[in-house]
Protein backbone atom coordinates (compact mmCIF):
# COMPACT_ATOMS: atom_id res chain seq x y z
CA MET A 1 -35.72 61.21 -30.90
CA SER A 2 -33.23 61.63 -28.07
CA ILE A 3 -35.98 61.01 -25.49
CA SER A 4 -37.01 57.69 -27.09
CA VAL A 5 -33.39 56.59 -27.25
CA VAL A 6 -32.91 57.32 -23.59
CA MET A 7 -36.07 55.37 -22.66
CA PHE A 8 -35.02 52.42 -24.78
CA ARG A 9 -31.55 52.41 -23.26
CA GLY A 10 -33.02 52.45 -19.78
CA THR A 11 -35.19 49.48 -20.57
CA PHE A 12 -32.18 47.64 -22.02
CA ILE A 13 -30.15 48.31 -18.89
CA LEU A 14 -32.86 46.86 -16.69
CA LEU A 15 -33.20 43.77 -18.87
CA THR A 16 -29.47 43.22 -18.89
CA GLU A 17 -29.26 43.54 -15.13
CA ALA A 18 -32.13 41.09 -14.78
CA LEU A 19 -30.35 38.60 -17.06
CA VAL A 20 -27.03 38.86 -15.21
CA GLY A 21 -28.31 39.23 -11.65
CA ASN A 22 -31.24 36.82 -12.00
CA THR A 23 -33.61 39.54 -10.68
CA ILE A 24 -36.79 41.06 -12.02
CA PRO A 25 -37.07 44.84 -12.26
CA PRO A 26 -39.38 46.28 -9.64
CA LYS A 27 -41.63 47.92 -12.23
CA MET A 28 -42.23 44.60 -13.99
CA LYS A 29 -43.58 42.98 -10.83
CA GLN A 30 -47.18 43.00 -9.91
CA GLY A 31 -48.15 45.80 -7.57
CA GLY A 32 -44.73 47.39 -7.89
CA LYS A 33 -43.48 45.66 -4.77
CA LYS A 34 -39.87 44.65 -4.39
CA LYS A 35 -38.98 40.96 -4.29
CA PRO A 36 -37.02 39.85 -1.24
CA VAL A 37 -33.35 39.23 -1.79
CA GLN A 38 -32.55 35.62 -2.69
CA THR A 39 -30.07 33.73 -0.59
CA THR A 40 -28.30 30.51 -1.39
CA LYS A 41 -26.60 28.18 1.06
CA ILE A 42 -23.44 26.56 -0.18
CA GLU A 43 -21.95 23.70 1.77
CA GLU A 44 -18.21 23.74 2.07
CA ASN A 45 -16.31 20.65 3.36
CA GLY A 46 -19.57 19.22 4.73
CA ASP A 47 -19.59 21.28 7.95
CA LYS A 48 -19.64 25.07 7.06
CA LEU A 49 -22.64 26.79 5.53
CA LEU A 50 -22.00 30.05 3.81
CA SER A 51 -24.94 32.35 3.08
CA VAL A 52 -24.37 34.72 0.22
CA GLU A 53 -26.80 37.38 -0.85
CA CYS A 54 -27.32 37.30 -4.56
CA LYS A 55 -28.06 40.98 -4.98
CA PRO A 56 -27.89 42.35 -8.53
CA CYS A 57 -25.30 45.02 -9.16
CA LEU A 58 -26.77 47.97 -11.02
CA LYS A 59 -24.59 49.54 -13.65
CA ARG A 60 -25.21 52.35 -16.05
CA ARG A 61 -23.46 52.70 -19.36
CA LYS A 62 -22.64 55.85 -21.26
CA ILE A 63 -25.14 57.20 -23.78
CA SER A 64 -23.74 56.83 -27.28
CA ASP A 65 -24.56 59.23 -30.04
CA SER A 66 -24.67 56.44 -32.59
CA ASP A 67 -28.25 55.47 -33.50
CA GLU A 68 -27.13 52.64 -35.76
CA LYS A 69 -25.67 50.70 -32.86
CA ASP A 70 -28.94 51.11 -30.95
CA GLU A 71 -30.92 49.76 -33.88
CA LYS A 72 -28.63 46.72 -34.22
CA LEU A 73 -28.83 46.05 -30.52
CA ASN A 74 -32.60 46.37 -30.61
CA GLU A 75 -32.82 43.91 -33.46
CA SER A 76 -30.61 41.46 -31.62
CA LEU A 77 -32.87 41.63 -28.58
CA THR A 78 -36.11 41.31 -30.52
CA ASN A 79 -34.87 38.49 -32.70
CA GLY A 80 -33.25 36.63 -29.82
CA SER A 81 -36.50 35.82 -28.04
CA ASN A 82 -36.61 32.43 -29.72
CA LYS A 83 -32.88 32.08 -30.05
CA ARG A 84 -29.98 31.96 -27.58
CA TRP A 85 -28.30 35.32 -27.31
CA SER A 86 -24.64 35.44 -28.39
CA VAL A 87 -22.14 38.23 -28.49
CA VAL A 88 -20.77 37.05 -31.80
CA GLU A 89 -24.16 36.96 -33.52
CA THR A 90 -25.29 40.42 -32.20
CA ASP A 91 -21.92 42.07 -32.86
CA VAL A 92 -22.04 44.06 -29.61
CA GLU A 93 -18.81 45.88 -29.04
CA PRO A 94 -16.80 44.93 -25.95
CA GLU A 95 -16.74 48.57 -24.74
CA ILE A 96 -20.51 48.54 -24.22
CA LEU A 97 -20.30 45.36 -22.14
CA GLU A 98 -17.44 46.77 -20.09
CA ASP A 99 -19.52 49.87 -19.36
CA MET A 100 -22.32 47.53 -18.24
CA GLY A 101 -19.95 45.71 -15.91
CA VAL A 102 -20.06 42.45 -17.88
CA SER A 103 -16.87 40.90 -19.29
CA MET A 104 -16.62 39.36 -22.75
CA LEU A 105 -17.62 35.66 -22.86
CA GLU A 106 -16.21 33.19 -25.33
CA ASP A 107 -18.32 30.84 -27.43
CA GLU A 108 -19.51 28.10 -25.06
CA GLY A 109 -19.91 25.52 -27.85
CA ALA A 110 -16.25 25.78 -28.89
CA CYS A 111 -14.33 26.71 -25.75
CA ASP A 112 -16.39 26.35 -22.58
CA GLY A 113 -17.85 22.86 -23.24
CA GLN A 114 -15.11 21.08 -21.37
CA LYS A 115 -15.00 23.73 -18.61
CA VAL A 116 -18.72 23.47 -17.95
CA LEU A 117 -18.48 19.67 -17.78
CA LYS A 118 -15.48 19.86 -15.40
CA ASN A 119 -17.13 22.43 -13.09
CA SER A 120 -20.40 20.48 -12.98
CA VAL A 121 -18.60 17.20 -12.12
CA GLU A 122 -16.55 18.87 -9.34
CA GLN A 123 -19.60 20.56 -7.82
CA GLU A 124 -21.62 17.36 -7.89
CA SER A 125 -18.84 15.47 -6.09
CA GLU A 126 -18.42 18.12 -3.40
CA THR A 127 -22.04 18.94 -2.61
CA SER A 128 -25.41 17.31 -3.14
CA SER A 129 -27.13 20.67 -3.69
CA PRO A 130 -28.31 21.79 -7.13
CA ILE A 131 -25.64 22.92 -9.55
CA CYS A 132 -24.62 26.50 -8.91
CA GLU A 133 -22.58 28.73 -11.10
CA SER A 134 -20.35 31.58 -9.97
CA VAL A 135 -20.85 34.60 -12.12
CA MET A 136 -18.26 37.36 -11.86
CA VAL A 137 -20.11 40.62 -11.48
CA SER A 138 -18.19 43.87 -10.94
CA ASN A 139 -19.56 46.34 -8.49
CA ASP A 140 -18.58 49.87 -7.61
CA ASN A 141 -18.68 49.12 -3.91
CA GLU A 142 -17.76 45.40 -4.02
CA SER A 143 -14.82 44.05 -5.98
CA SER A 144 -15.03 40.36 -4.86
CA PRO A 145 -17.01 37.86 -7.00
CA GLN A 146 -20.35 36.65 -5.67
CA PRO A 147 -21.90 33.26 -6.43
CA VAL A 148 -25.29 33.61 -8.04
CA GLN A 149 -27.77 30.74 -8.36
CA GLN A 150 -28.09 29.59 -11.92
CA ASP A 151 -31.43 29.84 -13.59
CA LYS A 152 -33.29 26.65 -14.42
CA SER A 153 -33.38 27.63 -18.07
CA VAL A 154 -29.61 27.87 -18.10
CA ASP A 155 -29.35 24.42 -16.49
CA HIS A 156 -31.68 22.99 -19.09
CA ARG A 157 -29.68 24.68 -21.85
CA LYS A 158 -26.39 23.28 -20.54
CA SER A 159 -27.86 19.82 -20.16
CA ASN A 160 -28.91 19.96 -23.81
CA GLU A 161 -25.40 21.08 -24.80
CA LEU A 162 -23.87 18.17 -22.87
CA SER A 163 -26.32 15.69 -24.35
CA GLU A 164 -25.17 16.67 -27.82
CA ASP A 165 -21.60 15.57 -27.05
CA PHE A 166 -22.13 12.62 -24.68
CA PHE A 167 -24.35 9.60 -25.28
CA LEU A 168 -25.09 6.42 -23.33
CA TYR A 169 -25.53 3.45 -25.61
CA ARG A 170 -27.27 0.25 -24.54
CA ARG A 171 -27.04 -2.79 -26.73
CA LYS A 172 -30.41 -3.83 -27.95
CA GLN A 173 -31.39 -7.32 -26.92
CA PRO A 174 -32.42 -9.48 -29.87
CA VAL A 175 -36.05 -10.39 -29.71
CA LEU A 176 -36.61 -13.90 -30.98
CA PRO A 177 -40.02 -14.69 -32.35
CA LYS A 178 -41.96 -17.21 -30.37
CA GLY A 179 -41.65 -20.78 -31.54
CA GLU A 180 -38.38 -20.27 -33.46
CA ASP A 181 -36.05 -23.29 -33.44
CA VAL A 182 -32.48 -22.08 -32.91
CA PHE A 183 -31.15 -25.54 -33.84
CA LEU A 184 -32.36 -24.96 -37.40
CA LYS A 185 -29.50 -22.51 -37.80
CA LEU A 186 -26.98 -25.25 -36.90
CA SER A 187 -25.80 -27.93 -39.26
CA ASP A 188 -26.27 -31.62 -38.54
CA GLU A 189 -22.58 -31.94 -37.71
CA MET A 190 -22.81 -29.22 -35.04
CA VAL A 191 -25.89 -30.81 -33.46
CA LEU A 192 -24.12 -34.16 -33.54
CA MET A 193 -21.18 -32.71 -31.62
CA ILE A 194 -23.62 -31.40 -28.99
CA PHE A 195 -25.32 -34.78 -28.70
CA ARG A 196 -21.99 -36.47 -28.04
CA TRP A 197 -22.02 -34.97 -24.53
CA LEU A 198 -25.38 -36.49 -23.64
CA PRO A 199 -25.90 -39.87 -21.96
CA LYS A 200 -27.64 -42.65 -23.84
CA ASN A 201 -30.97 -42.30 -22.01
CA MET A 202 -31.08 -38.60 -22.88
CA LEU A 203 -30.41 -39.38 -26.54
CA VAL A 204 -33.49 -41.58 -26.56
CA ARG A 205 -35.56 -38.67 -25.25
CA CYS A 206 -34.09 -36.28 -27.80
CA SER A 207 -35.08 -38.65 -30.59
CA LEU A 208 -38.75 -38.00 -29.71
CA VAL A 209 -38.55 -34.25 -30.45
CA CYS A 210 -38.68 -34.30 -34.23
CA LYS A 211 -37.64 -36.38 -37.22
CA ARG A 212 -34.41 -34.48 -37.67
CA TRP A 213 -33.36 -35.05 -34.06
CA GLN A 214 -34.32 -38.68 -34.35
CA ARG A 215 -32.06 -39.11 -37.37
CA ILE A 216 -29.17 -37.38 -35.61
CA ALA A 217 -29.73 -39.07 -32.22
CA TYR A 218 -29.59 -42.51 -33.85
CA ASP A 219 -26.34 -41.82 -35.68
CA GLU A 220 -23.83 -44.66 -35.38
CA VAL A 221 -21.16 -42.35 -34.00
CA LEU A 222 -23.18 -41.87 -30.80
CA TRP A 223 -23.78 -45.58 -30.28
CA THR A 224 -20.34 -47.02 -31.09
CA ARG A 225 -19.67 -48.17 -27.51
CA MET A 226 -22.15 -49.10 -24.81
CA ASP A 227 -21.93 -50.39 -21.27
CA LEU A 228 -25.00 -52.32 -20.14
CA GLY A 229 -23.26 -54.33 -17.46
CA SER A 230 -25.39 -55.41 -14.47
CA ARG A 231 -28.52 -54.13 -16.21
CA THR A 232 -31.85 -55.83 -16.79
CA LEU A 233 -32.88 -55.76 -20.45
CA ASN A 234 -36.48 -56.31 -21.41
CA SER A 235 -37.56 -58.41 -24.33
CA GLY A 236 -36.43 -56.98 -27.66
CA SER A 237 -34.28 -54.24 -26.09
CA LEU A 238 -31.04 -55.76 -27.31
CA GLY A 239 -32.35 -55.71 -30.87
CA HIS A 240 -32.87 -51.94 -30.72
CA VAL A 241 -29.30 -51.49 -29.45
CA LEU A 242 -27.69 -53.55 -32.21
CA THR A 243 -29.62 -51.76 -34.98
CA ARG A 244 -27.87 -48.50 -34.06
CA GLY A 245 -24.46 -49.73 -35.18
CA THR A 246 -22.86 -50.60 -31.83
CA THR A 247 -19.40 -52.16 -32.19
CA ILE A 248 -18.27 -52.41 -28.52
CA LEU A 249 -20.83 -53.85 -26.10
CA ARG A 250 -20.41 -54.86 -22.48
CA LEU A 251 -23.14 -57.08 -21.02
CA ALA A 252 -21.25 -58.54 -18.08
CA GLN A 253 -23.61 -59.73 -15.31
CA ALA A 254 -26.59 -58.44 -17.28
CA GLU A 255 -29.98 -60.13 -17.26
CA ILE A 256 -31.43 -60.50 -20.76
CA SER A 257 -35.05 -61.54 -21.06
CA ASP A 258 -36.44 -63.74 -23.82
CA PRO A 259 -37.03 -63.22 -26.64
CA VAL A 260 -33.84 -61.32 -27.41
CA PHE A 261 -35.19 -60.18 -30.80
CA PHE A 262 -38.73 -59.61 -31.93
CA SER A 263 -39.91 -61.21 -35.15
CA ASN A 264 -39.98 -57.84 -36.96
CA CYS A 265 -36.49 -56.80 -35.86
CA SER A 266 -34.44 -55.41 -38.74
CA ILE A 267 -31.45 -57.45 -37.59
CA LEU A 268 -33.33 -60.68 -38.26
CA ILE A 269 -34.79 -59.43 -41.54
CA LYS A 270 -31.21 -58.70 -42.72
CA ASP A 271 -32.07 -55.11 -43.53
CA VAL A 272 -29.44 -53.81 -41.11
CA PRO A 273 -26.23 -55.84 -40.66
CA CYS A 274 -24.89 -56.30 -37.15
CA LYS A 275 -21.61 -54.42 -36.71
CA LEU A 276 -20.75 -55.82 -33.31
CA GLN A 277 -17.03 -56.65 -32.96
CA TYR A 278 -16.34 -56.76 -29.21
CA LEU A 279 -18.86 -58.54 -27.00
CA ASP A 280 -18.55 -59.30 -23.29
CA LEU A 281 -21.19 -61.66 -21.88
CA SER A 282 -19.24 -62.74 -18.81
CA MET A 283 -21.58 -64.15 -16.14
CA ALA A 284 -24.63 -62.84 -18.01
CA ILE A 285 -28.01 -64.40 -17.32
CA ILE A 286 -29.30 -65.50 -20.72
CA SER A 287 -30.97 -68.65 -21.96
CA GLU A 288 -29.34 -71.07 -24.40
CA GLU A 289 -31.83 -70.17 -27.15
CA GLY A 290 -31.38 -66.45 -26.56
CA LEU A 291 -27.60 -66.77 -26.66
CA ALA A 292 -27.79 -68.79 -29.89
CA ASP A 293 -30.07 -66.15 -31.48
CA LEU A 294 -27.73 -63.37 -30.42
CA LEU A 295 -24.58 -65.06 -31.72
CA SER A 296 -26.27 -66.04 -35.00
CA THR A 297 -26.64 -62.35 -35.88
CA CYS A 298 -22.95 -61.59 -35.18
CA LYS A 299 -20.68 -62.28 -38.14
CA ASN A 300 -17.86 -59.80 -37.51
CA LEU A 301 -16.79 -60.58 -33.96
CA ARG A 302 -13.12 -60.17 -33.13
CA LYS A 303 -13.20 -60.70 -29.35
CA LEU A 304 -15.83 -62.65 -27.45
CA SER A 305 -16.23 -63.55 -23.79
CA LEU A 306 -18.82 -66.14 -22.69
CA GLU A 307 -17.49 -66.88 -19.24
CA HIS A 308 -19.87 -68.89 -17.07
CA CYS A 309 -22.54 -69.12 -19.78
CA ARG A 310 -24.44 -72.18 -20.92
CA LEU A 311 -23.80 -73.15 -24.56
CA ASN A 312 -25.30 -75.57 -27.06
CA ASP A 313 -24.28 -76.80 -30.48
CA LYS A 314 -26.21 -74.04 -32.26
CA ALA A 315 -24.43 -71.30 -30.33
CA CYS A 316 -21.00 -72.87 -31.00
CA ALA A 317 -21.83 -73.17 -34.70
CA ALA A 318 -22.69 -69.44 -34.71
CA ILE A 319 -19.31 -68.68 -33.08
CA GLY A 320 -17.58 -70.58 -35.88
CA GLN A 321 -19.06 -68.15 -38.44
CA ASN A 322 -16.87 -65.33 -37.15
CA TYR A 323 -13.80 -65.95 -39.28
CA ASN A 324 -11.94 -62.91 -37.90
CA LEU A 325 -12.29 -63.97 -34.28
CA ASP A 326 -8.91 -63.83 -32.52
CA THR A 327 -9.84 -63.92 -28.80
CA LEU A 328 -12.32 -66.31 -27.23
CA ASN A 329 -13.03 -66.72 -23.53
CA MET A 330 -15.18 -69.74 -22.61
CA SER A 331 -13.89 -70.39 -19.11
CA ALA A 332 -16.34 -72.14 -16.78
CA CYS A 333 -18.87 -72.62 -19.57
CA TYR A 334 -21.33 -75.48 -19.57
CA GLY A 335 -22.37 -77.75 -22.42
CA ILE A 336 -19.18 -77.76 -24.51
CA THR A 337 -19.16 -81.00 -26.47
CA GLU A 338 -16.98 -82.49 -29.19
CA ALA A 339 -19.18 -80.91 -31.86
CA CYS A 340 -18.88 -77.51 -30.22
CA VAL A 341 -15.07 -77.66 -30.20
CA SER A 342 -14.98 -78.87 -33.78
CA ASN A 343 -17.34 -76.14 -35.09
CA ILE A 344 -15.39 -73.38 -33.36
CA LEU A 345 -11.92 -74.53 -34.45
CA THR A 346 -13.06 -75.21 -38.00
CA GLY A 347 -14.32 -71.68 -38.60
CA CYS A 348 -12.08 -69.57 -36.36
CA ARG A 349 -8.66 -70.11 -37.89
CA LYS A 350 -7.26 -66.78 -36.68
CA LEU A 351 -7.50 -67.49 -32.99
CA SER A 352 -4.55 -66.23 -30.97
CA ALA A 353 -5.99 -66.44 -27.41
CA LEU A 354 -8.26 -69.20 -26.09
CA ASN A 355 -9.51 -69.87 -22.58
CA VAL A 356 -11.35 -73.15 -21.95
CA ALA A 357 -10.45 -73.49 -18.27
CA TRP A 358 -12.77 -75.48 -16.05
CA THR A 359 -15.10 -76.49 -18.87
CA ASP A 360 -14.99 -80.21 -18.00
CA LEU A 361 -13.81 -81.25 -21.45
CA SER A 362 -13.95 -84.90 -22.29
CA VAL A 363 -11.01 -86.87 -23.61
CA ALA A 364 -12.48 -86.82 -27.13
CA ALA A 365 -12.97 -83.04 -26.95
CA LEU A 366 -9.36 -82.62 -25.79
CA ASN A 367 -8.14 -84.71 -28.72
CA ILE A 368 -9.95 -82.44 -31.18
CA LEU A 369 -8.76 -79.33 -29.35
CA CYS A 370 -5.07 -80.29 -29.28
CA THR A 371 -4.97 -81.43 -32.90
CA LYS A 372 -7.10 -78.71 -34.58
CA LEU A 373 -5.75 -75.61 -32.85
CA PRO A 374 -4.57 -73.05 -35.42
CA ARG A 375 -0.89 -72.35 -35.69
CA SER A 376 -1.52 -68.70 -34.87
CA MET A 377 -2.37 -69.62 -31.26
CA GLN A 378 -0.15 -67.78 -28.76
CA ARG A 379 -2.04 -67.89 -25.45
CA ILE A 380 -4.09 -70.79 -24.17
CA ASN A 381 -5.58 -71.81 -20.82
CA ILE A 382 -6.65 -75.46 -20.38
CA SER A 383 -6.53 -75.53 -16.59
CA GLY A 384 -8.99 -77.62 -14.62
CA CYS A 385 -8.75 -80.83 -16.65
CA ARG A 386 -7.92 -82.90 -13.61
CA LYS A 387 -8.32 -86.42 -14.97
CA THR A 388 -8.49 -85.95 -18.74
CA LEU A 389 -5.44 -84.00 -19.90
CA THR A 390 -2.37 -86.21 -20.29
CA ASP A 391 1.18 -85.84 -21.52
CA ASN A 392 0.13 -87.01 -25.00
CA HIS A 393 -2.40 -84.18 -25.27
CA LEU A 394 0.34 -81.75 -24.28
CA ARG A 395 2.69 -83.17 -26.91
CA GLN A 396 0.03 -82.69 -29.61
CA LEU A 397 -0.64 -79.18 -28.37
CA VAL A 398 3.02 -78.14 -28.58
CA ALA A 399 3.28 -79.63 -32.06
CA SER A 400 0.19 -77.69 -33.27
CA CYS A 401 1.14 -74.38 -31.62
CA PRO A 402 4.95 -74.05 -31.52
CA ASP A 403 4.75 -70.25 -31.00
CA LEU A 404 2.99 -70.34 -27.65
CA VAL A 405 3.83 -67.40 -25.39
CA GLU A 406 1.50 -68.12 -22.47
CA LEU A 407 0.41 -71.57 -21.28
CA ASP A 408 -1.74 -72.36 -18.24
CA LEU A 409 -2.01 -76.04 -17.24
CA SER A 410 -2.96 -75.59 -13.59
CA ASP A 411 -4.91 -78.32 -11.78
CA CYS A 412 -4.08 -80.96 -14.41
CA THR A 413 -3.16 -83.62 -11.93
CA THR A 414 -2.39 -86.34 -14.51
CA LEU A 415 0.62 -84.52 -15.96
CA THR A 416 4.03 -85.95 -15.06
CA ALA A 417 7.64 -84.80 -15.18
CA GLU A 418 7.65 -85.70 -18.87
CA SER A 419 5.51 -82.62 -19.50
CA ILE A 420 8.47 -80.41 -18.44
CA ASN A 421 10.64 -81.93 -21.17
CA ILE A 422 7.85 -81.26 -23.70
CA ILE A 423 7.48 -77.62 -22.61
CA THR A 424 11.22 -76.98 -23.05
CA ASN A 425 10.63 -77.29 -26.82
CA LEU A 426 8.70 -74.01 -26.78
CA ASP A 427 11.24 -71.36 -27.74
CA LYS A 428 8.95 -68.35 -27.18
CA ILE A 429 7.26 -69.30 -23.96
CA GLU A 430 7.17 -66.43 -21.44
CA TYR A 431 4.54 -67.47 -18.90
CA LEU A 432 3.95 -70.99 -17.55
CA ALA A 433 1.45 -72.02 -14.86
CA LEU A 434 1.61 -75.52 -13.36
CA SER A 435 -0.06 -74.88 -10.01
CA ARG A 436 -1.39 -77.90 -8.15
CA CYS A 437 0.06 -80.39 -10.66
CA TYR A 438 0.90 -82.83 -7.93
CA SER A 439 2.30 -85.55 -10.22
CA ILE A 440 5.28 -83.40 -11.22
CA ALA A 441 8.28 -83.67 -8.88
CA PRO A 442 9.72 -80.36 -7.64
CA ALA A 443 13.18 -81.22 -8.94
CA ALA A 444 11.81 -81.44 -12.50
CA TYR A 445 11.27 -77.68 -12.60
CA LEU A 446 15.02 -77.14 -12.64
CA LEU A 447 14.97 -78.25 -16.29
CA LEU A 448 13.27 -74.97 -17.15
CA SER A 449 16.60 -73.18 -16.75
CA SER A 450 17.33 -74.12 -20.37
CA VAL A 451 14.33 -72.05 -21.58
CA ASN A 452 15.82 -68.61 -22.08
CA SER A 453 12.51 -66.91 -22.95
CA LEU A 454 10.73 -67.91 -19.71
CA MET A 455 9.94 -64.93 -17.48
CA TYR A 456 7.20 -66.06 -15.06
CA LEU A 457 6.49 -69.40 -13.40
CA ASP A 458 3.52 -70.11 -11.12
CA VAL A 459 3.67 -73.27 -8.96
CA PHE A 460 1.26 -72.46 -6.13
CA ASN A 461 0.43 -75.08 -3.47
CA LEU A 462 3.22 -77.44 -4.56
CA MET A 463 6.27 -76.53 -2.49
CA SER A 464 7.18 -75.09 0.86
CA GLU A 465 8.54 -71.60 1.15
CA GLN A 466 12.09 -72.93 1.42
CA SER A 467 11.67 -74.98 -1.75
CA VAL A 468 10.28 -71.96 -3.59
CA ALA A 469 13.29 -69.92 -2.45
CA ASN A 470 15.69 -72.60 -3.71
CA LEU A 471 13.86 -72.71 -7.04
CA GLN A 472 14.13 -68.95 -7.32
CA GLU A 473 17.91 -69.19 -6.76
CA ASN A 474 18.28 -71.80 -9.50
CA LEU A 475 16.12 -69.72 -11.88
CA PRO A 476 17.45 -66.20 -11.33
CA ASP A 477 15.89 -64.80 -14.51
CA VAL A 478 12.40 -66.14 -13.71
CA ASP A 479 9.86 -64.62 -11.30
CA VAL A 480 8.19 -67.39 -9.30
CA ASN A 481 4.59 -67.18 -8.05
CA LYS A 482 3.69 -63.66 -9.20
CA PHE A 483 0.15 -64.15 -10.54
CA LEU A 484 -2.66 -65.91 -8.72
CA PHE A 485 -5.07 -65.92 -11.66
CA SER A 486 -4.69 -66.20 -15.36
CA SER A 487 -5.58 -63.32 -17.69
CA VAL A 488 -5.74 -65.29 -20.94
CA ALA A 489 -8.53 -63.92 -23.17
CA ARG A 490 -10.27 -62.20 -20.25
CA PRO A 491 -11.94 -58.87 -21.11
CA THR A 492 -11.16 -57.20 -17.79
CA VAL A 493 -8.25 -57.65 -15.41
CA GLY A 494 -8.25 -56.34 -11.85
CA ILE A 495 -10.73 -53.69 -10.78
CA ARG A 496 -11.16 -52.01 -14.16
CA ARG A 497 -14.77 -52.22 -15.25
CA THR A 498 -15.04 -49.40 -17.77
CA SER A 499 -13.14 -51.14 -20.57
CA ILE A 500 -12.98 -54.52 -22.25
CA TRP A 501 -9.75 -55.73 -23.83
CA GLY A 502 -8.34 -52.24 -23.39
CA LEU A 503 -11.23 -50.54 -25.21
CA ARG A 504 -13.46 -47.97 -23.52
CA VAL A 505 -17.14 -48.84 -23.24
CA ARG A 506 -18.24 -45.39 -22.02
CA ASP A 507 -18.03 -42.07 -23.84
C-alpha cells in the first residue's frame, strides 16, 4: 500500500510540475530524450531584448500519512480531464500547494477577470509579441520570479472567459424585399409635402409612375401658381394647365399656338370650372380668336393685364363677365371700340384701377368711358389721347370718380389751364401726371397748392430746370418729376419678374 502511494505521489508531482512549468516529464517523451530548454524573447521599450530561460523548478512535497486526501486528490485529477481544474472544487489544502512551491490562486471568474483584461491590454500596447504571462514560481536556488510563456490552451481559455463578459454588437441592416414600394407606407399628405419641392416638369414625370402618384401630382395645391413667361406653348397645352386648378398665371411674352383648347377639353365641356384669378398676358403673342376663347373660360378674374394685345368685341364681352374684376391693364392694346368699352364697364362695376393709355380711343369711346366709370375707381391712366381728350371729358371723369387717388393725363395735348381748376376738386388726389401737355401754361400749376392731398407731380418736357426749381419752391409739400412711367394697373414694376401684383408666381 505504501509503495503504491509513493508511486502515485511521484506521478502527481511530475504532472504538477509539467502544468506549472509548461514542460513534459522526460519519461513521457518518446525515446526518453530530454527536450531542449525553451527560451522566450521579450521586448522592453522597443530596443532591449531579454532572453529568459523558462526552466521548470522541481519541488517535492512531504509524504502525508492520510490516504483519504490522496483519494480525493486522485479523484479531482481523474475527473478534471474534461473540466477546468480549480482549487475550490478539489478542496486541496493550501499546505500541500505551499510544499509544492505553488501559491494559492483566487477564483479567476470572480476576482481575476479584470486583472487578466488589464494585463492583456497593457502587454498588447507595449509589445506586438504573443501574450505572455508571468508565473511566480519559487525555487530553492532562485528567489526572483521568471516569466514563463503561456500555453495556447490557457490563451484559448482566457479568450473564452473574456468573450463571456464582452460583446461587440452590430446593428442588423434591414433587408427590404425586392419590388417593395416605400411610398406605400406614407400617407397622401406626406407624399404631397414631398412633391411640393419638385419643379413642374418633374411633377409631370411623377404622374406617369402610377395612378396614385398621378392623383397626388395633379393636386390643386401643387399647381396654384405658375410662371410660363417667355415660353412657347403648343396647341392645347394651356387647357391642361387650367384644368389643374391654377389661380395665378403669368404668360408675359409667351407664344401661345392655336387652338388654345382642344374640342374635348374639360374646361370647354364645363366639367371642370376655371379657377384662374390673376392673369398676366402682357406682350403675349396670341391670336384674337385664341384670346377670346381663353377669356371666355375665365369667370372669376380679379386682376387682368392685356398690355400690347389685340382685342375684339368677343374678347371684351368675355372680360365683362368677370364681375369681381378690380384691376384691368389694357395699355397699348389694339382694336378697342365703343362696344368694347361699353361691355367692359357694364359688367365690371368693381373696377378700382384701369389703364387704357395709348389705345387710340375715339371721341365716342371716351364719352362712354368718362360717363360709365364706376364710382369705385381710384387709379386711372388715359395718357396718349393727343387729339381726343378734352376738358369736358375730364369734367365728366371727375364727376363720375370723385375719389380718384392717381390720375395720369400725359400727352393729352388738347387740355388747357381749365383742367387744373377741374383737378383741384379732387380731395383725395395723391399723384398727378401732366407731362407733355403743352396747352397748359406753367403758371397754372401754382393752383395745385390748394390741393392738400397732392404728393407727387410729374410735368416732364414742359419747363426748364429753373422753372421746375421755382415750381418746387412754390409747392414745398409736393415732389416734382419723380416717376418717369406710370404704374397704374401694371402687374410688374421695375426689374421684378417673379411676381405679379405682389403675388409670387413661383413656388
